[in-house]
Amino acid sequence: MKVTVAETKGLKTSLNVLIKKQDIDKKIEERAIELQKTISLKGFRPGKAPIQMLKKQFGEALYGEVVEKTLQDSTYQALNENKIKPAGQPKIEIKSSGVDKDLEYIIIVEKSPEIKKIDLEKVTLTDYKLKVEKEDIDSRIKLLAEGQKKYTDKKAGEKSLNGDVVVFNFEAKVDGKAFDGNKGEKVQIILGKELFIKGFDSQLLSCKVGEEKEVKVNLPENYPAKEIAGKPAVFSCKIVELKKSEDAVIDDQFAKNFGAKDLNDLKSLIEKQLSKEQSSVTESIMRKEILDYLDANTNFELPQDLLDSEKESVKHSFIHEKAHQGEEHDNHKHGHHDHSDIKLTKDDEEEILDLSKRRVKLALVFNKIGDDNNVIVTAQELQTELQKQMSMYPGQEKQIREFYQKNPGEITRLRGPIYEDKVVNLIKSKAKINVKEINKKQLEELVKDLTSEIKSKTKNNEKKASATEPEKETKSKDALKKPLKKISKK
């Protein structure tokens, strides 16, 4: 095999590879000998068919198989010999091939950029700890008490008020005509909750048991029967029962209903729960700090192929979002795929480019940190993640398992988030972390600022940016495990 560098421009390199015909012939001979042991031909005992006959009968298939494997192996060897770490899949351009010819081809590859080692001990992060205040605990207890309310029958002649439970039978008509599902018995609603039909509750105020009442409302726009959806309807209602609520007494017995020893113990449990609930929020804020630090403190040339690929992905997300914003681009008009009339503005294009650069850059930086610190995702971690995925879809575990068994390559898609989490945890373990205690209101402001920044910068795509999926784009050690991309044959 002879390898020469044809061209180098920035990160992109072209290598000429020449493999002599006799080397290909030797590999075909070796493969034919392997096949001889397993193939039976008419007139010959198993494993005794002449090699030349096998080569004659299966020559084209043998040549194709050998060339495919030779391309794979020689490309890997050529890149290694020239110390090229590919940023993505190398592309192959066949110049010359055929049973009577040398195999000559060009490898077009983008190298992973040189990234300086990042001193993780210089990273400074803020760990926000939520200070749970008395009003936060009281608010949660009040919410629990709402769910513990008891309802008792109102006295005869008493009228319905907001917060009461009204039990009624009804018959509804649209344009004076009945329709499917227009009757109901012993329907219960809590007045003021507006959980039945908008505008319905207020018309049942000041009613008594036994009273008949006409309620006029518009049916919901998403009503199953499309021909009457959104139309005015008249509900003839008869009040069957009225019940008033009694607030739960907040005492030690109330606390015991929730598994606490007493009221003080319940408050302590709620304090811990509130802190735990907010930890995922503060984790997101710290993660964003890490991404921003890495983005701001690294600078290198980005592989153009990776950037172009990422731009296409982000562009698709932008178009999809625009297609489903507002009435002029609803699902009924566009269906699932046709977004051809969606036009991106110059600002959109700039945002797409900025976001794509950030995502590719962070993917490469995460790889660099992972490689420098020997971060790996084990088979056991992949299996654990698969189990977690299956637990999210109860009843469908068998189908999910079968999908991954039939498509073993798909399980590597689970690797990206695990890899990123491990790198993030590594950074946290090395970084200097300043702890700052904040109350709920301050935390809400931080989240508000973070959300508005995400929306303004990335049109809701920042979360995707955080999922850098390093293995998908830049893990050079995996790059040649996939089929090589062939451009053309001259």
Protein backbone atom coordinates (compact mmCIF):
# COMPACT_ATOMS: atom_id res chain seq x y z
CA MET A 1 0.00 0.00 0.00
CA LYS A 2 1.30 3.41 -0.98
CA VAL A 3 -0.15 6.52 0.68
CA THR A 4 0.63 10.10 -0.34
CA VAL A 5 -0.82 13.38 0.91
CA ALA A 6 -2.60 14.98 -2.06
CA GLU A 7 -3.80 18.19 -0.44
CA THR A 8 -4.11 19.86 2.95
CA LYS A 9 -6.33 22.87 3.43
CA GLY A 10 -7.15 23.89 7.00
CA LEU A 11 -8.48 20.81 8.77
CA LYS A 12 -9.33 19.05 5.49
CA THR A 13 -6.80 16.58 4.10
CA SER A 14 -6.86 14.39 0.98
CA LEU A 15 -4.78 11.20 0.87
CA ASN A 16 -4.03 9.16 -2.27
CA VAL A 17 -4.02 5.43 -1.59
CA LEU A 18 -2.70 2.87 -4.08
CA ILE A 19 -3.08 -0.88 -3.51
CA LYS A 20 -1.50 -3.12 -6.12
CA LYS A 21 -3.61 -5.65 -8.04
CA GLN A 22 -1.46 -8.55 -6.76
CA ASP A 23 -2.26 -7.57 -3.14
CA ILE A 24 -6.00 -7.65 -3.94
CA ASP A 25 -5.57 -10.99 -5.74
CA LYS A 26 -3.81 -12.41 -2.67
CA LYS A 27 -6.69 -11.35 -0.40
CA ILE A 28 -9.22 -12.89 -2.84
CA GLU A 29 -7.24 -16.15 -2.76
CA GLU A 30 -7.22 -16.14 1.07
CA ARG A 31 -10.97 -15.47 1.17
CA ALA A 32 -11.65 -18.23 -1.37
CA ILE A 33 -9.69 -20.70 0.81
CA GLU A 34 -11.87 -19.72 3.77
CA LEU A 35 -15.02 -20.25 1.69
CA GLN A 36 -13.81 -23.62 0.44
CA LYS A 37 -14.28 -25.07 3.93
CA THR A 38 -17.95 -24.11 4.09
CA ILE A 39 -19.29 -24.27 0.50
CA SER A 40 -20.50 -27.42 -1.30
CA LEU A 41 -20.54 -27.55 -5.10
CA LYS A 42 -22.32 -30.19 -7.15
CA GLY A 43 -19.99 -33.07 -7.97
CA PHE A 44 -17.58 -32.37 -5.10
CA ARG A 45 -17.50 -33.48 -1.49
CA PRO A 46 -18.12 -30.69 1.11
CA GLY A 47 -14.97 -28.57 1.46
CA LYS A 48 -13.29 -30.11 -1.60
CA ALA A 49 -14.43 -27.74 -4.39
CA PRO A 50 -11.40 -26.43 -6.36
CA ILE A 51 -10.34 -22.90 -5.48
CA GLN A 52 -10.28 -21.81 -9.12
CA MET A 53 -13.85 -23.01 -9.59
CA LEU A 54 -14.96 -21.06 -6.51
CA LYS A 55 -13.19 -17.95 -7.80
CA LYS A 56 -14.84 -18.37 -11.18
CA GLN A 57 -18.33 -18.93 -9.79
CA PHE A 58 -18.19 -16.31 -7.02
CA GLY A 59 -15.56 -14.00 -8.48
CA GLU A 60 -17.62 -10.80 -8.56
CA ALA A 61 -18.96 -11.28 -5.04
CA LEU A 62 -15.49 -12.17 -3.72
CA TYR A 63 -13.95 -9.11 -5.36
CA GLY A 64 -16.64 -6.79 -3.94
CA GLU A 65 -16.28 -8.22 -0.43
CA VAL A 66 -12.49 -8.04 -0.47
CA VAL A 67 -12.43 -4.47 -1.84
CA GLU A 68 -14.95 -3.29 0.77
CA LYS A 69 -12.86 -4.75 3.60
CA THR A 70 -9.63 -3.47 2.02
CA LEU A 71 -11.05 0.05 1.82
CA GLN A 72 -12.04 -0.16 5.49
CA ASP A 73 -8.72 -1.55 6.72
CA SER A 74 -6.42 0.52 4.49
CA THR A 75 -8.26 3.76 5.30
CA TYR A 76 -7.83 3.11 9.03
CA GLN A 77 -4.14 2.28 8.46
CA ALA A 78 -3.52 5.32 6.23
CA LEU A 79 -5.03 7.68 8.80
CA ASN A 80 -3.02 6.11 11.62
CA GLU A 81 0.24 6.28 9.69
CA ASN A 82 -0.33 9.96 8.95
CA LYS A 83 -1.42 10.62 12.56
CA ILE A 84 -4.81 11.91 11.42
CA LYS A 85 -7.59 11.77 13.98
CA PRO A 86 -10.81 12.17 11.94
CA ALA A 87 -13.49 14.55 13.20
CA GLY A 88 -16.17 12.63 11.30
CA GLN A 89 -16.66 9.90 8.74
CA PRO A 90 -13.92 9.89 6.08
CA LYS A 91 -15.26 10.06 2.51
CA ILE A 92 -13.90 7.81 -0.20
CA GLU A 93 -13.51 8.74 -3.88
CA ILE A 94 -12.63 5.70 -6.03
CA LYS A 95 -10.22 6.60 -8.84
CA SER A 96 -9.54 3.16 -10.25
CA SER A 97 -10.83 -0.34 -9.50
CA GLY A 98 -11.61 -3.61 -11.26
CA VAL A 99 -10.44 -7.20 -11.31
CA ASP A 100 -7.59 -6.39 -13.71
CA LYS A 101 -6.57 -3.08 -12.14
CA ASP A 102 -4.82 -1.66 -9.12
CA LEU A 103 -7.17 -0.22 -6.49
CA GLU A 104 -6.61 3.52 -6.26
CA TYR A 105 -8.71 5.89 -4.20
CA ILE A 106 -8.71 9.20 -2.36
CA ILE A 107 -9.55 9.61 1.32
CA ILE A 108 -11.10 13.01 2.04
CA VAL A 109 -11.09 13.62 5.77
CA GLU A 110 -11.40 16.48 8.23
CA LYS A 111 -9.01 16.25 11.13
CA SER A 112 -10.11 16.85 14.69
CA PRO A 113 -8.77 20.28 15.63
CA GLU A 114 -5.95 20.70 18.10
CA ILE A 115 -7.54 21.71 21.40
CA LYS A 116 -5.36 22.84 24.27
CA LYS A 117 -5.71 20.84 27.46
CA ILE A 118 -8.27 22.48 29.71
CA ASP A 119 -7.22 23.03 33.31
CA LEU A 120 -10.42 22.01 35.09
CA GLU A 121 -9.12 23.30 38.41
CA LYS A 122 -9.35 26.84 37.04
CA VAL A 123 -13.09 26.48 36.42
CA THR A 124 -15.18 28.41 38.94
CA LEU A 125 -18.84 27.51 39.43
CA THR A 126 -21.68 28.60 41.69
CA ASP A 127 -23.71 26.00 43.55
CA TYR A 128 -27.01 27.62 44.45
CA LYS A 129 -28.58 26.14 47.58
CA LEU A 130 -32.24 26.84 48.21
CA LYS A 131 -33.03 28.33 51.59
CA VAL A 132 -36.52 27.01 52.29
CA GLU A 133 -38.51 29.67 54.16
CA LYS A 134 -41.53 29.35 56.42
CA GLU A 135 -43.98 30.66 53.80
CA ASP A 136 -42.77 28.01 51.30
CA ILE A 137 -43.55 25.25 53.79
CA ASP A 138 -46.91 26.83 54.73
CA SER A 139 -47.83 27.11 51.07
CA ARG A 140 -47.12 23.40 50.49
CA ILE A 141 -49.11 22.41 53.60
CA LYS A 142 -52.01 24.53 52.36
CA LEU A 143 -51.86 22.68 49.06
CA LEU A 144 -51.92 19.33 50.88
CA ALA A 145 -54.88 20.54 52.94
CA GLU A 146 -56.77 21.40 49.72
CA GLY A 147 -56.59 17.75 48.76
CA GLN A 148 -57.82 16.70 52.20
CA LYS A 149 -61.01 18.75 52.12
CA LYS A 150 -64.22 16.97 53.11
CA TYR A 151 -67.56 17.70 51.47
CA THR A 152 -70.90 17.53 53.30
CA ASP A 153 -74.45 18.02 52.03
CA LYS A 154 -75.73 21.57 52.19
CA LYS A 155 -78.98 22.22 54.05
CA ALA A 156 -82.26 22.24 52.15
CA GLY A 157 -82.81 25.61 50.50
CA GLU A 158 -79.14 26.64 50.66
CA LYS A 159 -77.76 28.02 47.40
CA SER A 160 -74.60 27.02 45.58
CA LEU A 161 -71.42 29.08 46.06
CA ASN A 162 -67.94 29.03 44.53
CA GLY A 163 -66.02 26.07 45.95
CA ASP A 164 -69.17 23.94 46.37
CA VAL A 165 -69.60 20.60 44.64
CA VAL A 166 -72.62 20.58 42.33
CA VAL A 167 -74.01 17.22 41.19
CA PHE A 168 -76.39 17.50 38.23
CA ASN A 169 -78.03 15.70 35.31
CA PHE A 170 -78.08 17.39 31.91
CA GLU A 171 -79.34 17.17 28.36
CA ALA A 172 -77.73 19.41 25.74
CA LYS A 173 -78.80 20.60 22.29
CA VAL A 174 -77.15 22.51 19.43
CA ASP A 175 -79.51 24.47 17.18
CA GLY A 176 -82.37 22.76 19.04
CA LYS A 177 -81.13 19.27 18.07
CA ALA A 178 -79.70 16.47 20.19
CA PHE A 179 -76.26 15.03 19.38
CA ASP A 180 -74.14 12.04 20.38
CA GLY A 181 -73.00 12.31 24.00
CA ASN A 182 -75.48 15.08 24.81
CA LYS A 183 -76.70 13.53 28.08
CA GLY A 184 -75.08 13.08 31.45
CA GLU A 185 -76.12 11.89 34.89
CA LYS A 186 -74.74 12.79 38.28
CA VAL A 187 -71.95 14.91 36.80
CA GLN A 188 -69.84 16.52 39.55
CA ILE A 189 -68.03 19.83 39.28
CA ILE A 190 -66.42 22.11 41.85
CA LEU A 191 -67.73 25.60 41.11
CA GLY A 192 -65.00 28.06 40.18
CA LYS A 193 -62.53 25.44 38.92
CA GLU A 194 -63.74 25.77 35.28
CA LEU A 195 -62.89 22.13 34.56
CA PHE A 196 -66.07 21.28 32.59
CA ILE A 197 -66.73 23.85 29.83
CA LYS A 198 -65.53 27.44 29.97
CA GLY A 199 -68.27 29.72 31.30
CA PHE A 200 -70.33 26.80 32.67
CA ASP A 201 -69.56 27.09 36.40
CA SER A 202 -70.69 30.68 36.87
CA GLN A 203 -74.18 29.86 35.50
CA LEU A 204 -74.75 27.27 38.22
CA LEU A 205 -74.11 29.73 41.06
CA SER A 206 -77.05 30.45 43.43
CA CYS A 207 -78.85 27.20 42.50
CA LYS A 208 -80.78 24.95 44.92
CA VAL A 209 -81.23 21.16 44.97
CA GLY A 210 -84.06 20.18 42.65
CA GLU A 211 -83.82 23.38 40.62
CA GLU A 212 -83.66 23.27 36.82
CA LYS A 213 -81.32 25.62 35.06
CA GLU A 214 -80.48 26.37 31.43
CA VAL A 215 -76.78 26.91 30.80
CA LYS A 216 -75.69 28.48 27.50
CA VAL A 217 -72.06 27.93 26.45
CA ASN A 218 -70.01 27.32 23.32
CA LEU A 219 -68.80 23.75 22.91
CA PRO A 220 -64.98 23.43 22.96
CA GLU A 221 -63.12 23.95 19.68
CA ASN A 222 -61.58 20.49 20.09
CA TYR A 223 -64.95 18.77 20.64
CA PRO A 224 -64.75 15.29 19.00
CA ALA A 225 -67.76 15.88 16.73
CA LYS A 226 -66.18 18.44 14.38
CA GLU A 227 -69.51 19.55 12.85
CA ILE A 228 -70.63 21.07 16.17
CA ALA A 229 -67.24 21.96 17.71
CA GLY A 230 -67.21 25.59 18.89
CA LYS A 231 -70.97 26.02 18.35
CA PRO A 232 -73.37 27.50 20.94
CA ALA A 233 -75.14 24.81 22.99
CA VAL A 234 -77.92 24.87 25.57
CA PHE A 235 -77.59 22.54 28.56
CA SER A 236 -80.80 21.79 30.46
CA CYS A 237 -79.52 20.94 33.93
CA LYS A 238 -81.26 19.56 37.02
CA ILE A 239 -79.42 20.01 40.32
CA VAL A 240 -79.29 16.68 42.17
CA GLU A 241 -76.94 17.45 45.10
CA LEU A 242 -75.05 20.38 46.62
CA LYS A 243 -72.08 19.85 48.90
CA LYS A 244 -69.96 22.39 50.74
CA SER A 245 -66.32 21.94 51.63
CA GLU A 246 -64.87 21.78 55.10
CA ASP A 247 -61.23 22.78 55.45
CA ALA A 248 -58.97 20.10 56.85
CA VAL A 249 -57.70 20.82 60.35
CA ILE A 250 -53.93 21.17 60.15
CA ASP A 251 -52.70 19.34 63.25
CA ASP A 252 -50.68 16.28 64.24
CA GLN A 253 -53.40 13.92 63.00
CA PHE A 254 -53.37 15.72 59.62
CA ALA A 255 -49.58 15.15 59.48
CA LYS A 256 -49.98 11.44 60.32
CA ASN A 257 -52.24 11.05 57.27
CA PHE A 258 -49.10 11.76 55.20
CA GLY A 259 -46.87 9.33 57.08
CA ALA A 260 -45.26 11.92 59.39
CA LYS A 261 -44.92 11.52 63.15
CA ASP A 262 -46.47 14.90 63.88
CA LEU A 263 -46.88 18.37 62.34
CA ASN A 264 -43.29 19.40 63.01
CA ASP A 265 -42.04 16.22 61.37
CA LEU A 266 -44.25 16.91 58.33
CA LYS A 267 -42.76 20.41 58.02
CA SER A 268 -39.27 18.92 58.19
CA LEU A 269 -40.14 16.39 55.47
CA ILE A 270 -41.61 19.14 53.28
CA GLU A 271 -38.46 21.24 53.70
CA LYS A 272 -36.34 18.33 52.46
CA GLN A 273 -38.72 17.66 49.60
CA LEU A 274 -38.69 21.28 48.45
CA SER A 275 -34.88 21.32 48.50
CA LYS A 276 -34.79 18.10 46.48
CA GLU A 277 -37.31 19.44 43.95
CA GLN A 278 -35.18 22.53 43.36
CA SER A 279 -31.90 20.62 43.07
CA SER A 280 -32.67 19.68 39.44
CA VAL A 281 -33.19 23.40 38.69
CA THR A 282 -29.91 24.42 40.30
CA GLU A 283 -28.20 21.51 38.47
CA SER A 284 -29.41 22.97 35.16
CA ILE A 285 -28.07 26.41 36.10
CA MET A 286 -24.65 24.98 36.98
CA ARG A 287 -24.60 22.90 33.80
CA LYS A 288 -25.27 26.06 31.79
CA GLU A 289 -22.37 27.76 33.65
CA ILE A 290 -20.07 24.89 32.64
CA LEU A 291 -21.11 25.07 28.98
CA ASP A 292 -20.70 28.85 28.94
CA TYR A 293 -17.25 28.61 30.55
CA LEU A 294 -16.04 26.02 28.04
CA ASP A 295 -17.48 28.04 25.15
CA ALA A 296 -15.82 31.27 26.31
CA ASN A 297 -12.44 29.75 27.21
CA THR A 298 -11.71 27.65 24.14
CA ASN A 299 -10.93 28.79 20.61
CA PHE A 300 -10.12 26.57 17.63
CA GLU A 301 -11.10 25.96 14.00
CA LEU A 302 -14.30 23.94 13.60
CA PRO A 303 -14.52 21.08 11.09
CA GLN A 304 -16.68 22.38 8.24
CA ASP A 305 -18.41 19.06 7.53
CA LEU A 306 -19.52 18.73 11.15
CA LEU A 307 -20.68 22.33 11.16
CA ASP A 308 -22.66 21.89 7.94
CA SER A 309 -24.30 18.73 9.27
CA GLU A 310 -25.22 20.45 12.54
CA LYS A 311 -26.60 23.47 10.68
CA GLU A 312 -28.96 21.18 8.77
CA SER A 313 -30.18 19.63 12.02
CA VAL A 314 -30.72 23.00 13.72
CA LYS A 315 -32.33 24.47 10.61
CA HIS A 316 -34.82 21.61 10.57
CA SER A 317 -35.70 22.36 14.21
CA PHE A 318 -36.19 26.06 13.46
CA ILE A 319 -38.42 25.34 10.46
CA HIS A 320 -40.46 22.81 12.41
CA GLU A 321 -40.97 25.30 15.24
CA LYS A 322 -41.99 28.09 12.85
CA ALA A 323 -44.39 25.71 11.09
CA HIS A 324 -46.27 25.12 14.31
CA GLN A 325 -46.38 28.68 15.61
CA GLY A 326 -49.60 30.62 15.17
CA GLU A 327 -52.75 29.86 13.23
CA GLU A 328 -51.27 30.48 9.78
CA HIS A 329 -48.98 27.46 10.21
CA ASP A 330 -51.08 24.90 12.03
CA ASN A 331 -50.82 21.12 11.85
CA HIS A 332 -53.84 20.77 9.58
CA LYS A 333 -52.27 22.97 6.94
CA HIS A 334 -48.82 21.50 6.95
CA GLY A 335 -49.36 17.93 7.96
CA HIS A 336 -46.31 16.23 9.39
CA HIS A 337 -43.65 16.93 6.78
CA ASP A 338 -44.46 19.72 4.34
CA HIS A 339 -42.84 22.91 5.57
CA SER A 340 -41.73 24.09 2.12
CA ASP A 341 -43.46 27.47 2.47
CA ILE A 342 -41.60 28.33 5.70
CA LYS A 343 -39.07 31.08 5.10
CA LEU A 344 -36.19 31.78 7.46
CA THR A 345 -35.14 35.36 8.11
CA LYS A 346 -31.58 36.63 8.11
CA ASP A 347 -31.74 36.72 11.93
CA ASP A 348 -32.87 33.08 11.93
CA GLU A 349 -29.93 32.10 9.73
CA GLU A 350 -27.50 33.91 12.04
CA GLU A 351 -28.98 32.18 15.10
CA ILE A 352 -28.77 28.81 13.36
CA LEU A 353 -25.10 29.39 12.59
CA ASP A 354 -24.29 30.60 16.14
CA LEU A 355 -26.08 27.66 17.73
CA SER A 356 -24.50 25.14 15.35
CA LYS A 357 -21.01 26.51 16.10
CA ARG A 358 -21.66 26.26 19.83
CA ARG A 359 -22.96 22.70 19.62
CA VAL A 360 -20.08 21.41 17.47
CA LYS A 361 -17.52 23.28 19.58
CA LEU A 362 -18.89 21.91 22.86
CA ALA A 363 -19.06 18.37 21.45
CA LEU A 364 -15.37 18.55 20.54
CA VAL A 365 -14.42 20.11 23.88
CA PHE A 366 -16.33 17.43 25.79
CA ASN A 367 -14.46 14.78 23.78
CA LYS A 368 -11.15 16.44 24.58
CA ILE A 369 -11.88 16.52 28.32
CA GLY A 370 -13.16 12.94 28.20
CA ASP A 371 -10.10 11.69 26.30
CA ASP A 372 -7.66 13.56 28.56
CA ASN A 373 -9.31 12.05 31.65
CA ASN A 374 -10.06 8.55 30.31
CA VAL A 375 -13.83 8.96 30.52
CA ILE A 376 -15.57 5.91 29.07
CA VAL A 377 -19.13 4.62 28.97
CA THR A 378 -19.26 0.96 29.99
CA ALA A 379 -21.55 -1.71 28.56
CA GLN A 380 -23.17 -1.97 31.99
CA GLU A 381 -23.96 1.77 32.01
CA LEU A 382 -25.56 1.43 28.59
CA GLN A 383 -27.69 -1.49 29.83
CA THR A 384 -28.73 0.50 32.90
CA GLU A 385 -29.78 3.40 30.68
CA LEU A 386 -31.72 0.98 28.45
CA GLN A 387 -33.57 -0.35 31.51
CA LYS A 388 -34.38 3.23 32.50
CA GLN A 389 -35.73 3.91 29.01
CA MET A 390 -37.93 0.82 29.17
CA SER A 391 -39.29 1.75 32.61
CA MET A 392 -40.60 5.00 31.10
CA TYR A 393 -42.91 3.01 28.80
CA PRO A 394 -44.66 0.39 30.97
CA GLY A 395 -46.20 -2.37 28.90
CA GLN A 396 -43.89 -1.73 25.95
CA GLU A 397 -40.70 -3.17 27.43
CA LYS A 398 -40.75 -6.20 25.12
CA GLN A 399 -41.07 -4.11 21.94
CA ILE A 400 -38.27 -1.75 23.07
CA ARG A 401 -35.96 -4.66 23.91
CA GLU A 402 -36.68 -6.33 20.57
CA PHE A 403 -36.01 -3.04 18.74
CA TYR A 404 -32.54 -2.77 20.26
CA GLN A 405 -31.83 -6.46 19.66
CA LYS A 406 -32.69 -6.05 15.97
CA ASN A 407 -30.84 -2.71 15.76
CA PRO A 408 -27.78 -3.08 18.03
CA GLY A 409 -26.24 0.10 16.59
CA GLU A 410 -29.11 2.15 18.01
CA ILE A 411 -28.05 1.50 21.60
CA THR A 412 -24.98 3.68 20.99
CA ARG A 413 -27.39 6.63 20.76
CA LEU A 414 -27.92 6.22 24.49
CA ARG A 415 -24.19 6.74 25.01
CA GLY A 416 -24.10 10.49 24.34
CA PRO A 417 -26.10 11.72 27.35
CA ILE A 418 -24.27 9.28 29.69
CA TYR A 419 -20.89 10.43 28.37
CA GLU A 420 -21.84 14.09 28.78
CA ASP A 421 -23.09 13.53 32.34
CA LYS A 422 -19.81 11.84 33.26
CA VAL A 423 -17.78 14.72 31.82
CA VAL A 424 -19.97 17.28 33.61
CA ASN A 425 -19.53 15.40 36.91
CA LEU A 426 -15.77 15.25 36.32
CA ILE A 427 -15.66 19.04 35.79
CA LYS A 428 -17.64 19.59 39.00
CA SER A 429 -15.26 17.35 40.93
CA LYS A 430 -12.22 19.37 39.79
CA ALA A 431 -13.68 22.90 39.70
CA LYS A 432 -13.73 25.47 42.45
CA ILE A 433 -17.34 25.71 43.63
CA ASN A 434 -18.72 28.69 45.51
CA VAL A 435 -21.87 27.88 47.48
CA LYS A 436 -24.52 30.58 47.49
CA GLU A 437 -27.74 30.33 49.50
CA ILE A 438 -30.82 31.84 47.85
CA ASN A 439 -34.53 31.89 48.59
CA LYS A 440 -37.31 30.66 46.32
CA LYS A 441 -37.96 34.09 44.82
CA GLN A 442 -34.28 34.57 43.91
CA LEU A 443 -34.20 31.10 42.37
CA GLU A 444 -37.28 31.89 40.29
CA GLU A 445 -35.54 35.04 39.01
CA LEU A 446 -32.46 33.00 38.03
CA VAL A 447 -34.64 30.51 36.17
CA LYS A 448 -36.53 33.36 34.51
CA ASP A 449 -33.27 34.94 33.32
CA LEU A 450 -31.97 31.58 32.12
CA THR A 451 -35.19 30.82 30.24
CA SER A 452 -35.35 34.22 28.55
CA GLU A 453 -31.68 33.95 27.53
CA ILE A 454 -32.26 30.49 26.07
CA LYS A 455 -35.31 31.68 24.13
CA SER A 456 -33.66 34.79 22.78
CA LYS A 457 -30.44 33.07 21.78
CA THR A 458 -31.61 29.76 20.48
CA LYS A 459 -35.35 29.66 19.88
CA ASN A 460 -35.73 26.87 22.43
CA ASN A 461 -32.89 24.78 20.98
CA GLU A 462 -30.39 25.36 23.81
CA LYS A 463 -31.44 22.13 25.48
CA LYS A 464 -30.44 20.30 22.35
CA ALA A 465 -27.18 22.20 22.38
CA SER A 466 -26.47 20.90 25.86
CA ALA A 467 -26.95 17.35 24.61
CA THR A 468 -23.63 17.49 22.81
CA GLU A 469 -23.65 13.79 21.89
CA PRO A 470 -19.87 13.62 21.48
CA GLU A 471 -19.86 10.04 20.17
CA LYS A 472 -22.19 10.89 17.30
CA GLU A 473 -19.93 13.46 15.79
CA THR A 474 -16.36 13.32 16.90
CA LYS A 475 -15.27 10.03 18.46
CA SER A 476 -12.50 9.17 16.02
CA LYS A 477 -11.93 5.73 17.51
CA ASP A 478 -15.48 4.83 16.42
CA ALA A 479 -15.41 6.67 13.10
CA LEU A 480 -14.30 3.74 10.97
CA LYS A 481 -16.68 1.20 12.49
CA LYS A 482 -19.41 2.50 10.17
CA PRO A 483 -19.43 1.95 6.39
CA LEU A 484 -17.26 4.49 4.61
CA LYS A 485 -19.06 7.12 2.58
CA LYS A 486 -18.21 6.73 -1.09
CA ILE A 487 -18.54 9.86 -3.20
CA SER A 488 -17.98 8.67 -6.75
CA LYS A 489 -16.16 6.28 -9.01
CA LYS A 490 -14.21 7.83 -11.87
